[in-house]
Amino acid sequence: MTRTLYLLRHAKSAWGDVGLADIDRPLANRGWEGAKAAGAYLAHTGALPDRILCSVARRARETLAGLLPHLDRELDVALTRRIYNADPDGLLTLVRGQPDSAGLLLIGHNPAVEDLAFALVGGGDPAALGRMRHKYPTAGLATIAFAAGSWSEISAGQGNLTDFWTPGRNE
C-alpha cells in the first residue's frame, strides 16, 4: 500500500510584536495568503490527507485555518505540542505512531520539517528534488510517498518525493 506524507512548513509569521512569546506569533498577511494558496493547491491536485497533525503554535494553527476551507472532506485533525520545538527524530517518531491512513499532513516548523523531508527522501521527481534542495520556504509543501503497509514501517531514505510546492509556484 502507498502512504503519502505531506510536510508543510507553517506559513510566514509576523514579527512585529517583540513582546509576544514565540509560540504566540500570528501569521503575517503574506502568511495568510500562503496558507490559502497551499489549501487551494491541495484541493486542485486532489492531494487530500485523511489526517492532519498540527503544531499548537499560533502560526501553525492559523496555517491550518487557511487550509481547511479548501479541504472538502471529513478530516481527523490533531493539535499537538510534540511538533513545536521537535527535532526530525521526534517528528518521525510522531508520524510512525499514527493510525494507518493513506494520507497524513504534518504542519510544523523549520528546521525540523525540512530536515525530516531530506532524511526521508531517497529519490523522486528530479525537478521537485531540485526545488526542495534550493529552498524550503514558509508554506513549502513536500509530498512524499512510501511503499509501506503502516506508518510504523517508514524510515530514512525510503520516501519518494513526488512534488514540492511553494507559494507563487503556478501549476
Foldseek 3Di string as FASTA:
>chain_A
DKAKEKEAEQFAWDDPDVPDDQLATARDPRRLVLLLVLLQVCLVVVVAAQEEEFESRRSRVSSVVSNVVSRPDDHHYHYDNQQAVHAQVSVLVVQLPDWDDRYYYYYHHPPRSLVNVQFQAQEADPVQVVVSVVDQHHRKMWMWMAPDPGSNPGGGNRTYTHHIDGPPDDD
